[in-house]
């Protein structure tokens, strides 16, 4: 999974970029459909995670100053999560929690569908409809 980070109205430091990568690489275990191929020195992936971190306004000092959105395009589904907070690390933590919930829903649907197919096949072998 390739993580693409975009920002608006502020500059992203290397520490924050590393923090975002550290948080979202752990989510790869919930999304098994990503395949990474290396050809001619470039990494290609079947899925890319887009993270947008936005500073809402330059004059506000309280409340949700930062918002973040995460999108990943998978076969047959797009997973999206939004979060807001007063600092970049807090917004990334909240975004990870939201995205984790959505990824777990996706994974459970895939597993349930597989189990349903296995149950049908087993019943077909037994002669039960």
N, C-alpha and C. Protein backbone atom coordinates (compact mmCIF):
# COMPACT_ATOMS: atom_id res chain seq x y z
N UNK A 1 0.85 -1.16 0.00
CA UNK A 1 0.00 0.00 0.00
C UNK A 1 0.90 1.23 0.00
N UNK A 2 0.61 2.13 -0.91
CA UNK A 2 1.37 3.37 -1.02
C UNK A 2 0.55 4.48 -0.37
N UNK A 3 1.19 5.26 0.50
CA UNK A 3 0.51 6.34 1.20
C UNK A 3 0.90 7.66 0.56
N UNK A 4 -0.10 8.40 0.08
CA UNK A 4 0.12 9.70 -0.54
C UNK A 4 -0.47 10.76 0.38
N UNK A 5 0.37 11.67 0.85
CA UNK A 5 -0.05 12.70 1.81
C UNK A 5 -0.09 14.05 1.11
N UNK A 6 -1.23 14.72 1.24
CA UNK A 6 -1.38 16.07 0.69
C UNK A 6 -1.77 17.01 1.81
N UNK A 7 -1.27 18.24 1.77
CA UNK A 7 -1.60 19.23 2.79
C UNK A 7 -2.14 20.49 2.13
N UNK A 8 -2.85 21.27 2.95
CA UNK A 8 -3.38 22.54 2.46
C UNK A 8 -3.25 23.57 3.58
N UNK A 9 -2.73 24.73 3.26
CA UNK A 9 -2.57 25.88 4.15
C UNK A 9 -1.48 25.71 5.21
N UNK A 10 -0.63 24.72 5.11
CA UNK A 10 0.54 24.61 5.99
C UNK A 10 1.53 23.64 5.37
N UNK A 11 2.77 23.71 5.84
CA UNK A 11 3.84 22.84 5.34
C UNK A 11 3.97 21.62 6.24
N UNK A 12 4.19 20.49 5.61
CA UNK A 12 4.30 19.22 6.33
C UNK A 12 5.77 18.95 6.65
N UNK A 13 6.08 18.77 7.92
CA UNK A 13 7.46 18.47 8.31
C UNK A 13 7.74 16.98 8.14
N UNK A 14 9.01 16.64 8.15
CA UNK A 14 9.39 15.23 8.01
C UNK A 14 8.93 14.40 9.20
N UNK A 15 8.90 14.99 10.40
CA UNK A 15 8.45 14.28 11.59
C UNK A 15 6.97 13.89 11.47
N UNK A 16 6.16 14.82 10.99
CA UNK A 16 4.73 14.54 10.84
C UNK A 16 4.51 13.52 9.73
N UNK A 17 5.27 13.62 8.65
CA UNK A 17 5.16 12.63 7.56
C UNK A 17 5.50 11.24 8.08
N UNK A 18 6.55 11.12 8.89
CA UNK A 18 6.93 9.82 9.46
C UNK A 18 5.85 9.32 10.42
N UNK A 19 5.26 10.23 11.18
CA UNK A 19 4.20 9.86 12.12
C UNK A 19 2.98 9.31 11.38
N UNK A 20 2.61 9.97 10.28
CA UNK A 20 1.47 9.50 9.48
C UNK A 20 1.76 8.13 8.88
N UNK A 21 2.96 7.96 8.32
CA UNK A 21 3.32 6.66 7.75
C UNK A 21 3.31 5.56 8.80
N UNK A 22 3.82 5.87 9.98
CA UNK A 22 3.86 4.88 11.07
C UNK A 22 2.45 4.46 11.48
N UNK A 23 1.54 5.41 11.56
CA UNK A 23 0.17 5.10 11.98
C UNK A 23 -0.60 4.29 10.94
N UNK A 24 -0.44 4.62 9.67
CA UNK A 24 -1.29 4.00 8.65
C UNK A 24 -0.70 2.75 8.01
N UNK A 25 0.57 2.48 8.20
CA UNK A 25 1.14 1.23 7.69
C UNK A 25 0.56 0.05 8.44
N UNK A 26 0.22 0.26 9.72
CA UNK A 26 -0.35 -0.82 10.54
C UNK A 26 -1.72 -1.27 10.03
N UNK A 27 -2.40 -0.44 9.24
CA UNK A 27 -3.72 -0.80 8.73
C UNK A 27 -3.67 -1.75 7.54
N UNK A 28 -2.49 -2.01 7.05
CA UNK A 28 -2.34 -2.86 5.88
C UNK A 28 -2.82 -4.29 6.13
N UNK A 29 -2.79 -4.74 7.38
CA UNK A 29 -3.22 -6.10 7.68
C UNK A 29 -4.73 -6.27 7.50
N UNK A 30 -5.49 -5.18 7.53
CA UNK A 30 -6.94 -5.27 7.33
C UNK A 30 -7.32 -5.26 5.86
N UNK A 31 -6.39 -4.85 5.02
CA UNK A 31 -6.68 -4.75 3.60
C UNK A 31 -5.70 -5.64 2.86
N UNK A 32 -6.10 -6.86 2.59
CA UNK A 32 -5.22 -7.85 1.98
C UNK A 32 -5.21 -7.79 0.45
N UNK A 33 -6.06 -6.97 -0.15
CA UNK A 33 -6.15 -6.95 -1.61
C UNK A 33 -5.08 -6.10 -2.25
N UNK A 34 -4.23 -5.47 -1.47
CA UNK A 34 -3.16 -4.63 -2.02
C UNK A 34 -2.00 -5.51 -2.47
N UNK A 35 -1.58 -5.29 -3.69
CA UNK A 35 -0.41 -6.01 -4.22
C UNK A 35 0.62 -4.98 -4.65
N UNK A 36 1.83 -5.14 -4.17
CA UNK A 36 2.90 -4.21 -4.50
C UNK A 36 3.84 -4.90 -5.48
N UNK A 37 4.11 -4.23 -6.57
CA UNK A 37 5.01 -4.75 -7.60
C UNK A 37 6.14 -3.76 -7.80
N UNK A 38 7.31 -4.27 -7.99
CA UNK A 38 8.45 -3.41 -8.22
C UNK A 38 8.95 -3.67 -9.64
N UNK A 39 8.90 -2.64 -10.47
CA UNK A 39 9.38 -2.79 -11.84
C UNK A 39 10.20 -1.57 -12.20
N UNK A 40 11.37 -1.81 -12.68
CA UNK A 40 12.31 -0.76 -13.10
C UNK A 40 12.54 0.28 -12.01
N UNK A 41 12.67 -0.16 -10.78
CA UNK A 41 12.99 0.74 -9.68
C UNK A 41 11.83 1.54 -9.13
N UNK A 42 10.63 1.39 -9.68
CA UNK A 42 9.47 2.13 -9.20
C UNK A 42 8.51 1.17 -8.53
N UNK A 43 7.91 1.64 -7.44
CA UNK A 43 6.92 0.83 -6.74
C UNK A 43 5.55 1.09 -7.32
N UNK A 44 4.85 0.03 -7.66
CA UNK A 44 3.47 0.13 -8.12
C UNK A 44 2.60 -0.69 -7.19
N UNK A 45 1.44 -0.15 -6.87
CA UNK A 45 0.54 -0.84 -5.95
C UNK A 45 -0.86 -0.86 -6.54
N UNK A 46 -1.61 -1.88 -6.19
CA UNK A 46 -2.99 -1.96 -6.67
C UNK A 46 -3.90 -1.06 -5.86
N UNK A 47 -3.44 -0.55 -4.73
CA UNK A 47 -4.25 0.39 -3.94
C UNK A 47 -3.35 1.47 -3.36
N UNK A 48 -3.88 2.67 -3.36
CA UNK A 48 -3.16 3.82 -2.83
C UNK A 48 -4.04 4.49 -1.80
N UNK A 49 -3.45 4.87 -0.69
CA UNK A 49 -4.15 5.56 0.38
C UNK A 49 -3.84 7.05 0.27
N UNK A 50 -4.89 7.85 0.08
CA UNK A 50 -4.74 9.30 -0.03
C UNK A 50 -5.14 9.92 1.31
N UNK A 51 -4.23 10.70 1.89
CA UNK A 51 -4.50 11.38 3.15
C UNK A 51 -4.37 12.88 2.90
N UNK A 52 -5.44 13.61 3.17
CA UNK A 52 -5.45 15.07 3.04
C UNK A 52 -5.51 15.67 4.43
N UNK A 53 -4.53 16.48 4.77
CA UNK A 53 -4.52 17.19 6.06
C UNK A 53 -4.67 18.68 5.73
N UNK A 54 -5.71 19.30 6.30
CA UNK A 54 -6.06 20.67 5.95
C UNK A 54 -6.09 21.53 7.20
N UNK A 55 -5.45 22.68 7.13
CA UNK A 55 -5.59 23.68 8.19
C UNK A 55 -6.71 24.60 7.74
N UNK A 56 -7.80 24.60 8.51
CA UNK A 56 -9.02 25.28 8.08
C UNK A 56 -8.82 26.77 7.86
N UNK A 57 -8.35 27.47 8.87
CA UNK A 57 -8.14 28.92 8.74
C UNK A 57 -6.84 29.30 9.42
N UNK A 58 -6.34 30.47 9.07
CA UNK A 58 -5.09 30.93 9.66
C UNK A 58 -5.31 31.79 10.90
N UNK A 59 -6.53 32.27 11.13
CA UNK A 59 -6.75 33.18 12.24
C UNK A 59 -7.41 32.54 13.46
N UNK A 60 -7.97 31.34 13.34
CA UNK A 60 -8.57 30.68 14.49
C UNK A 60 -7.49 30.03 15.34
N UNK A 61 -7.67 30.07 16.66
CA UNK A 61 -6.71 29.47 17.57
C UNK A 61 -7.33 28.39 18.45
N UNK A 62 -8.66 28.28 18.44
CA UNK A 62 -9.35 27.30 19.27
C UNK A 62 -10.24 26.44 18.40
N UNK A 63 -10.59 25.26 18.94
CA UNK A 63 -11.52 24.39 18.23
C UNK A 63 -10.80 23.50 17.22
N UNK A 64 -11.57 22.98 16.30
CA UNK A 64 -11.02 22.09 15.28
C UNK A 64 -10.37 22.91 14.18
N UNK A 65 -9.08 23.14 14.34
CA UNK A 65 -8.34 23.92 13.36
C UNK A 65 -7.93 23.03 12.19
N UNK A 66 -7.59 21.77 12.48
CA UNK A 66 -7.13 20.84 11.45
C UNK A 66 -8.20 19.80 11.16
N UNK A 67 -8.36 19.48 9.90
CA UNK A 67 -9.21 18.36 9.50
C UNK A 67 -8.38 17.44 8.62
N UNK A 68 -8.75 16.19 8.60
CA UNK A 68 -8.04 15.21 7.79
C UNK A 68 -9.05 14.27 7.15
N UNK A 69 -8.73 13.85 5.93
CA UNK A 69 -9.56 12.90 5.20
C UNK A 69 -8.66 11.81 4.65
N UNK A 70 -9.16 10.59 4.71
CA UNK A 70 -8.42 9.44 4.16
C UNK A 70 -9.33 8.70 3.20
N UNK A 71 -8.81 8.40 2.01
CA UNK A 71 -9.54 7.65 0.99
C UNK A 71 -8.65 6.54 0.47
N UNK A 72 -9.26 5.37 0.29
CA UNK A 72 -8.55 4.28 -0.37
C UNK A 72 -9.54 3.63 -1.33
N UNK A 73 -9.05 3.36 -2.53
CA UNK A 73 -9.88 2.76 -3.57
C UNK A 73 -9.51 1.29 -3.68
N UNK A 74 -10.46 0.43 -3.32
CA UNK A 74 -10.27 -1.01 -3.37
C UNK A 74 -11.21 -1.59 -4.41
N UNK A 75 -11.02 -2.83 -4.79
CA UNK A 75 -11.97 -3.44 -5.73
C UNK A 75 -13.38 -3.45 -5.16
N UNK A 76 -14.29 -2.87 -5.89
CA UNK A 76 -15.72 -2.84 -5.57
C UNK A 76 -16.10 -1.90 -4.43
N UNK A 77 -15.16 -1.18 -3.83
CA UNK A 77 -15.52 -0.31 -2.70
C UNK A 77 -14.47 0.79 -2.52
N UNK A 78 -14.92 1.93 -2.02
CA UNK A 78 -14.04 3.01 -1.59
C UNK A 78 -14.24 3.19 -0.09
N UNK A 79 -13.16 3.21 0.66
CA UNK A 79 -13.23 3.42 2.09
C UNK A 79 -12.81 4.85 2.36
N UNK A 80 -13.64 5.59 3.12
CA UNK A 80 -13.40 6.99 3.40
C UNK A 80 -13.58 7.25 4.89
N UNK A 81 -12.74 8.15 5.44
CA UNK A 81 -12.87 8.55 6.84
C UNK A 81 -12.51 10.02 6.96
N UNK A 82 -13.18 10.73 7.87
CA UNK A 82 -12.94 12.15 8.13
C UNK A 82 -12.74 12.34 9.63
N UNK A 83 -11.91 13.33 10.00
CA UNK A 83 -11.70 13.65 11.41
C UNK A 83 -11.28 15.10 11.54
N UNK A 84 -11.48 15.66 12.73
CA UNK A 84 -11.06 17.02 13.02
C UNK A 84 -10.49 17.10 14.42
N UNK A 85 -9.51 18.00 14.64
CA UNK A 85 -8.90 18.17 15.96
C UNK A 85 -8.15 19.49 16.00
N UNK A 86 -7.55 19.74 17.16
CA UNK A 86 -6.86 21.01 17.34
C UNK A 86 -5.38 20.97 16.97
N UNK A 87 -4.81 19.79 16.77
CA UNK A 87 -3.41 19.68 16.35
C UNK A 87 -3.28 18.53 15.35
N UNK A 88 -2.18 18.54 14.62
CA UNK A 88 -1.98 17.54 13.58
C UNK A 88 -1.86 16.13 14.15
N UNK A 89 -1.06 15.88 15.20
CA UNK A 89 -1.02 14.51 15.75
C UNK A 89 -2.37 14.02 16.24
N UNK A 90 -3.15 14.91 16.87
CA UNK A 90 -4.48 14.51 17.34
C UNK A 90 -5.41 14.17 16.19
N UNK A 91 -5.36 14.95 15.13
CA UNK A 91 -6.24 14.68 13.99
C UNK A 91 -5.84 13.38 13.29
N UNK A 92 -4.55 13.08 13.26
CA UNK A 92 -4.09 11.83 12.64
C UNK A 92 -4.53 10.64 13.49
N UNK A 93 -4.46 10.76 14.82
CA UNK A 93 -4.91 9.68 15.69
C UNK A 93 -6.41 9.42 15.51
N UNK A 94 -7.21 10.48 15.47
CA UNK A 94 -8.65 10.32 15.28
C UNK A 94 -8.97 9.75 13.90
N UNK A 95 -8.22 10.20 12.90
CA UNK A 95 -8.44 9.69 11.54
C UNK A 95 -8.13 8.20 11.46
N UNK A 96 -7.07 7.79 12.13
CA UNK A 96 -6.71 6.36 12.13
C UNK A 96 -7.82 5.54 12.77
N UNK A 97 -8.39 6.03 13.88
CA UNK A 97 -9.47 5.29 14.53
C UNK A 97 -10.69 5.17 13.62
N UNK A 98 -11.06 6.27 12.97
CA UNK A 98 -12.21 6.24 12.05
C UNK A 98 -11.94 5.30 10.88
N UNK A 99 -10.74 5.39 10.33
CA UNK A 99 -10.39 4.55 9.18
C UNK A 99 -10.31 3.09 9.58
N UNK A 100 -9.84 2.82 10.79
CA UNK A 100 -9.76 1.44 11.28
C UNK A 100 -11.15 0.84 11.40
N UNK A 101 -12.12 1.61 11.89
CA UNK A 101 -13.50 1.13 11.98
C UNK A 101 -14.04 0.78 10.60
N UNK A 102 -13.80 1.64 9.62
CA UNK A 102 -14.29 1.40 8.26
C UNK A 102 -13.59 0.18 7.64
N UNK A 103 -12.29 0.04 7.88
CA UNK A 103 -11.54 -1.10 7.34
C UNK A 103 -12.02 -2.41 7.96
N UNK A 104 -12.34 -2.39 9.25
CA UNK A 104 -12.86 -3.60 9.91
C UNK A 104 -14.21 -4.00 9.33
N UNK A 105 -15.06 -3.00 9.03
CA UNK A 105 -16.34 -3.30 8.40
C UNK A 105 -16.13 -3.96 7.04
N UNK A 106 -15.20 -3.43 6.26
CA UNK A 106 -14.90 -4.00 4.95
C UNK A 106 -14.40 -5.43 5.08
N UNK A 107 -13.46 -5.66 6.01
CA UNK A 107 -12.89 -6.98 6.19
C UNK A 107 -13.95 -7.98 6.65
N UNK A 108 -14.84 -7.56 7.56
CA UNK A 108 -15.87 -8.47 8.05
C UNK A 108 -16.85 -8.84 6.94
N UNK A 109 -17.15 -7.90 6.04
CA UNK A 109 -18.03 -8.23 4.91
C UNK A 109 -17.38 -9.25 3.99
N UNK A 110 -16.09 -9.11 3.75
CA UNK A 110 -15.37 -10.05 2.89
C UNK A 110 -15.34 -11.44 3.54
N UNK A 111 -15.05 -11.50 4.83
CA UNK A 111 -14.97 -12.77 5.54
C UNK A 111 -16.35 -13.43 5.59
N UNK A 112 -17.39 -12.64 5.89
CA UNK A 112 -18.75 -13.20 5.95
C UNK A 112 -19.18 -13.75 4.60
N UNK A 113 -18.83 -13.05 3.54
CA UNK A 113 -19.19 -13.52 2.20
C UNK A 113 -18.49 -14.84 1.88
N UNK A 114 -17.24 -14.95 2.27
CA UNK A 114 -16.48 -16.18 2.05
C UNK A 114 -17.09 -17.33 2.85
N UNK A 115 -17.44 -17.07 4.09
CA UNK A 115 -18.04 -18.11 4.93
C UNK A 115 -19.40 -18.54 4.40
N UNK A 116 -20.14 -17.58 3.86
CA UNK A 116 -21.45 -17.90 3.30
C UNK A 116 -21.29 -18.84 2.10
N UNK A 117 -20.29 -18.55 1.26
CA UNK A 117 -20.04 -19.42 0.12
C UNK A 117 -19.61 -20.81 0.56
N UNK A 118 -18.78 -20.88 1.60
CA UNK A 118 -18.33 -22.17 2.10
C UNK A 118 -19.50 -22.97 2.69
N UNK A 119 -20.39 -22.28 3.39
CA UNK A 119 -21.57 -22.93 3.97
C UNK A 119 -22.47 -23.49 2.87
N UNK A 120 -22.67 -22.71 1.81
CA UNK A 120 -23.50 -23.18 0.68
C UNK A 120 -22.89 -24.44 0.06
N UNK A 121 -21.57 -24.42 -0.13
CA UNK A 121 -20.91 -25.56 -0.74
C UNK A 121 -21.03 -26.80 0.16
N UNK A 122 -20.85 -26.62 1.45
CA UNK A 122 -20.96 -27.72 2.40
C UNK A 122 -22.38 -28.30 2.38
N UNK A 123 -23.39 -27.43 2.38
CA UNK A 123 -24.77 -27.90 2.35
C UNK A 123 -25.10 -28.59 1.03
N UNK A 124 -24.49 -28.12 -0.04
CA UNK A 124 -24.72 -28.74 -1.35
C UNK A 124 -24.15 -30.17 -1.36
N UNK A 125 -22.98 -30.35 -0.71
CA UNK A 125 -22.38 -31.67 -0.62
C UNK A 125 -23.24 -32.63 0.22
N UNK A 126 -23.86 -32.08 1.27
CA UNK A 126 -24.70 -32.89 2.13
C UNK A 126 -26.07 -33.16 1.50
N UNK A 127 -26.43 -32.38 0.51
CA UNK A 127 -27.73 -32.55 -0.11
C UNK A 127 -28.82 -31.68 0.49
N UNK A 128 -28.43 -30.71 1.30
CA UNK A 128 -29.40 -29.79 1.91
C UNK A 128 -29.47 -28.54 1.07
N UNK A 129 -30.67 -28.03 0.89
CA UNK A 129 -30.79 -26.81 0.09
C UNK A 129 -30.84 -25.60 0.94
